[in-house]
Amino acid sequence: MRILFAALTALGLSATTAAAEFAISFQWGATPACNTGKARTIGSPQFSVRGLPPGTDSVEFRMKDLNAPGYNHGGGKVGMSQNGTVPAGAFKYKGPCPPGQVHRYRWTATARQGGKVLGRAEATRNFPE
């Protein structure tokens, strides 16, 4: 164990970063421009998923407007058993539509095996960018 720790330290890594960590990223891509404050139901953006916990059979995505946290944008659930890409339009949700300003949005992904939660990951971006 000391040798492993020494090797990780020499590489500038810690024991917690040595293993792949569950993470997501996304781009708004073809998300329609909207600034009226009246969100429309649209197809989801494309997501990249890495470090998926072993045993995952689905990932649930939920979006929150950090500037208007009481508004429910919803999300969706996709079957997923390995790292990869969730294509744009995989599920429907109420898209970002801040009223004439920029808002910060956070997507939370919950990895599940049946009803059991295996992990969570988040990614945050402004809209419009």
C-alpha atoms as a PDB file:
ATOM      1  CA  MET A   1       0.000   0.000   0.000  1.00  0.00           C
ATOM      2  CA  ARG A   2       2.879   2.382   0.782  1.00  0.00           C
ATOM      3  CA  ILE A   3       4.356   1.738  -2.653  1.00  0.00           C
ATOM      4  CA  LEU A   4       1.028   2.534  -4.319  1.00  0.00           C
ATOM      5  CA  PHE A   5       0.655   5.721  -2.276  1.00  0.00           C
ATOM      6  CA  ALA A   6       4.215   6.759  -3.123  1.00  0.00           C
ATOM      7  CA  ALA A   7       3.647   6.080  -6.823  1.00  0.00           C
ATOM      8  CA  LEU A   8       0.395   8.076  -6.845  1.00  0.00           C
ATOM      9  CA  THR A   9       2.014  10.937  -4.980  1.00  0.00           C
ATOM     10  CA  ALA A  10       4.917  10.980  -7.448  1.00  0.00           C
ATOM     11  CA  LEU A  11       2.372  11.280 -10.279  1.00  0.00           C
ATOM     12  CA  GLY A  12       0.546  14.088  -8.477  1.00  0.00           C
ATOM     13  CA  LEU A  13      -2.515  11.901  -7.832  1.00  0.00           C
ATOM     14  CA  SER A  14      -4.333  10.971  -4.654  1.00  0.00           C
ATOM     15  CA  ALA A  15      -5.889   7.621  -3.874  1.00  0.00           C
ATOM     16  CA  THR A  16      -9.330   9.151  -4.503  1.00  0.00           C
ATOM     17  CA  THR A  17      -8.444  10.353  -8.011  1.00  0.00           C
ATOM     18  CA  ALA A  18      -6.700   7.132  -9.034  1.00  0.00           C
ATOM     19  CA  ALA A  19     -10.018   5.371  -9.712  1.00  0.00           C
ATOM     20  CA  ALA A  20     -12.421   6.735 -12.315  1.00  0.00           C
ATOM     21  CA  GLU A  21     -14.948   9.049 -10.699  1.00  0.00           C
ATOM     22  CA  PHE A  22     -18.562   9.139 -11.904  1.00  0.00           C
ATOM     23  CA  ALA A  23     -18.877  12.345 -13.925  1.00  0.00           C
ATOM     24  CA  ILE A  24     -21.048  13.871 -16.630  1.00  0.00           C
ATOM     25  CA  SER A  25     -20.615  16.711 -19.083  1.00  0.00           C
ATOM     26  CA  PHE A  26     -22.952  18.261 -21.632  1.00  0.00           C
ATOM     27  CA  GLN A  27     -23.231  20.923 -24.309  1.00  0.00           C
ATOM     28  CA  TRP A  28     -26.432  22.814 -25.028  1.00  0.00           C
ATOM     29  CA  GLY A  29     -25.933  22.005 -28.717  1.00  0.00           C
ATOM     30  CA  ALA A  30     -29.164  22.514 -30.649  1.00  0.00           C
ATOM     31  CA  THR A  31     -31.146  23.661 -27.581  1.00  0.00           C
ATOM     32  CA  PRO A  32     -33.503  26.317 -28.985  1.00  0.00           C
ATOM     33  CA  ALA A  33     -32.894  29.938 -28.015  1.00  0.00           C
ATOM     34  CA  CYS A  34     -35.489  31.130 -25.513  1.00  0.00           C
ATOM     35  CA  ASN A  35     -35.651  34.223 -23.305  1.00  0.00           C
ATOM     36  CA  THR A  36     -39.360  34.647 -22.597  1.00  0.00           C
ATOM     37  CA  GLY A  37     -39.421  32.858 -19.230  1.00  0.00           C
ATOM     38  CA  LYS A  38     -41.951  30.362 -20.653  1.00  0.00           C
ATOM     39  CA  ALA A  39     -40.098  27.040 -20.936  1.00  0.00           C
ATOM     40  CA  ARG A  40     -41.099  24.614 -23.680  1.00  0.00           C
ATOM     41  CA  THR A  41     -40.849  20.834 -23.649  1.00  0.00           C
ATOM     42  CA  ILE A  42     -37.857  19.900 -25.792  1.00  0.00           C
ATOM     43  CA  GLY A  43     -35.403  17.054 -26.351  1.00  0.00           C
ATOM     44  CA  SER A  44     -32.479  16.722 -23.952  1.00  0.00           C
ATOM     45  CA  PRO A  45     -28.943  17.834 -24.772  1.00  0.00           C
ATOM     46  CA  GLN A  46     -26.221  15.267 -25.463  1.00  0.00           C
ATOM     47  CA  PHE A  47     -24.409  13.984 -22.360  1.00  0.00           C
ATOM     48  CA  SER A  48     -21.038  12.293 -21.933  1.00  0.00           C
ATOM     49  CA  VAL A  49     -20.825   9.867 -19.029  1.00  0.00           C
ATOM     50  CA  ARG A  50     -17.635   8.452 -17.506  1.00  0.00           C
ATOM     51  CA  GLY A  51     -16.752   6.486 -14.386  1.00  0.00           C
ATOM     52  CA  LEU A  52     -20.191   4.866 -14.289  1.00  0.00           C
ATOM     53  CA  PRO A  53     -20.470   2.804 -11.073  1.00  0.00           C
ATOM     54  CA  PRO A  54     -20.323  -0.980 -11.649  1.00  0.00           C
ATOM     55  CA  GLY A  55     -23.781  -2.557 -11.856  1.00  0.00           C
ATOM     56  CA  THR A  56     -25.505   0.571 -13.206  1.00  0.00           C
ATOM     57  CA  ASP A  57     -28.471  -0.262 -15.413  1.00  0.00           C
ATOM     58  CA  SER A  58     -29.979   3.217 -15.764  1.00  0.00           C
ATOM     59  CA  VAL A  59     -29.134   6.872 -15.260  1.00  0.00           C
ATOM     60  CA  GLU A  60     -31.727   9.487 -14.326  1.00  0.00           C
ATOM     61  CA  PHE A  61     -31.080  13.093 -15.384  1.00  0.00           C
ATOM     62  CA  ARG A  62     -32.738  16.114 -13.692  1.00  0.00           C
ATOM     63  CA  MET A  63     -32.190  19.803 -14.434  1.00  0.00           C
ATOM     64  CA  LYS A  64     -32.368  22.655 -11.930  1.00  0.00           C
ATOM     65  CA  ASP A  65     -32.238  26.392 -12.616  1.00  0.00           C
ATOM     66  CA  LEU A  66     -29.920  27.717  -9.916  1.00  0.00           C
ATOM     67  CA  ASN A  67     -31.369  31.231 -10.383  1.00  0.00           C
ATOM     68  CA  ALA A  68     -34.982  29.992 -10.031  1.00  0.00           C
ATOM     69  CA  PRO A  69     -34.646  26.792  -7.960  1.00  0.00           C
ATOM     70  CA  GLY A  70     -38.380  26.397  -7.394  1.00  0.00           C
ATOM     71  CA  TYR A  71     -39.080  25.801 -11.096  1.00  0.00           C
ATOM     72  CA  ASN A  72     -39.280  22.104 -12.027  1.00  0.00           C
ATOM     73  CA  HIS A  73     -37.588  21.495 -15.390  1.00  0.00           C
ATOM     74  CA  GLY A  74     -37.935  17.732 -15.029  1.00  0.00           C
ATOM     75  CA  GLY A  75     -35.661  15.284 -16.760  1.00  0.00           C
ATOM     76  CA  GLY A  76     -35.617  11.685 -17.841  1.00  0.00           C
ATOM     77  CA  LYS A  77     -34.225   8.214 -17.329  1.00  0.00           C
ATOM     78  CA  VAL A  78     -32.157   6.245 -19.821  1.00  0.00           C
ATOM     79  CA  GLY A  79     -30.944   2.658 -19.829  1.00  0.00           C
ATOM     80  CA  MET A  80     -27.167   2.637 -19.538  1.00  0.00           C
ATOM     81  CA  SER A  81     -24.712  -0.035 -18.434  1.00  0.00           C
ATOM     82  CA  GLN A  82     -21.383   1.406 -19.547  1.00  0.00           C
ATOM     83  CA  ASN A  83     -19.592   4.717 -20.032  1.00  0.00           C
ATOM     84  CA  GLY A  84     -20.456   6.598 -23.178  1.00  0.00           C
ATOM     85  CA  THR A  85     -22.739   9.114 -24.786  1.00  0.00           C
ATOM     86  CA  VAL A  86     -26.410   9.767 -24.192  1.00  0.00           C
ATOM     87  CA  PRO A  87     -27.579  11.190 -27.529  1.00  0.00           C
ATOM     88  CA  ALA A  88     -29.395  14.506 -27.834  1.00  0.00           C
ATOM     89  CA  GLY A  89     -33.164  14.018 -27.614  1.00  0.00           C
ATOM     90  CA  ALA A  90     -32.951  10.836 -25.483  1.00  0.00           C
ATOM     91  CA  PHE A  91     -35.698  12.220 -23.228  1.00  0.00           C
ATOM     92  CA  LYS A  92     -37.968  15.273 -22.968  1.00  0.00           C
ATOM     93  CA  TYR A  93     -37.776  18.030 -20.349  1.00  0.00           C
ATOM     94  CA  LYS A  94     -38.722  21.691 -19.957  1.00  0.00           C
ATOM     95  CA  GLY A  95     -35.833  23.515 -21.600  1.00  0.00           C
ATOM     96  CA  PRO A  96     -33.941  26.537 -20.322  1.00  0.00           C
ATOM     97  CA  CYS A  97     -35.735  29.832 -20.963  1.00  0.00           C
ATOM     98  CA  PRO A  98     -34.533  32.554 -18.609  1.00  0.00           C
ATOM     99  CA  PRO A  99     -36.530  35.803 -18.911  1.00  0.00           C
ATOM    100  CA  GLY A 100     -34.200  38.115 -20.851  1.00  0.00           C
ATOM    101  CA  GLN A 101     -31.079  37.173 -18.898  1.00  0.00           C
ATOM    102  CA  VAL A 102     -28.468  34.470 -18.336  1.00  0.00           C
ATOM    103  CA  HIS A 103     -29.259  31.729 -15.805  1.00  0.00           C
ATOM    104  CA  ARG A 104     -27.058  28.958 -14.410  1.00  0.00           C
ATOM    105  CA  TYR A 105     -28.387  25.404 -14.842  1.00  0.00           C
ATOM    106  CA  ARG A 106     -27.273  22.209 -13.135  1.00  0.00           C
ATOM    107  CA  TRP A 107     -27.886  18.721 -14.451  1.00  0.00           C
ATOM    108  CA  THR A 108     -27.721  15.961 -11.847  1.00  0.00           C
ATOM    109  CA  ALA A 109     -27.272  12.365 -13.024  1.00  0.00           C
ATOM    110  CA  THR A 110     -28.190   9.529 -10.662  1.00  0.00           C
ATOM    111  CA  ALA A 111     -26.777   6.081 -11.495  1.00  0.00           C
ATOM    112  CA  ARG A 112     -29.081   3.259 -10.410  1.00  0.00           C
ATOM    113  CA  GLN A 113     -29.293  -0.482 -10.297  1.00  0.00           C
ATOM    114  CA  GLY A 114     -33.004  -1.122 -10.068  1.00  0.00           C
ATOM    115  CA  GLY A 115     -34.160   1.132  -7.225  1.00  0.00           C
ATOM    116  CA  LYS A 116     -30.721   1.341  -5.604  1.00  0.00           C
ATOM    117  CA  VAL A 117     -28.729   4.572  -6.020  1.00  0.00           C
ATOM    118  CA  LEU A 118     -25.099   3.810  -6.937  1.00  0.00           C
ATOM    119  CA  GLY A 119     -23.809   7.334  -7.441  1.00  0.00           C
ATOM    120  CA  ARG A 120     -24.493  10.926  -8.450  1.00  0.00           C
ATOM    121  CA  ALA A 121     -22.706  13.353 -10.736  1.00  0.00           C
ATOM    122  CA  GLU A 122     -23.359  16.988 -11.671  1.00  0.00           C
ATOM    123  CA  ALA A 123     -22.517  19.405 -14.458  1.00  0.00           C
ATOM    124  CA  THR A 124     -23.357  23.122 -14.554  1.00  0.00           C
ATOM    125  CA  ARG A 125     -23.482  25.640 -17.435  1.00  0.00           C
ATOM    126  CA  ASN A 126     -24.963  29.041 -18.223  1.00  0.00           C
ATOM    127  CA  PHE A 127     -27.807  29.496 -20.717  1.00  0.00           C
ATOM    128  CA  PRO A 128     -27.524  31.234 -22.969  1.00  0.00           C
ATOM    129  CA  GLU A 129     -23.779  30.815 -23.015  1.00  0.00           C
END
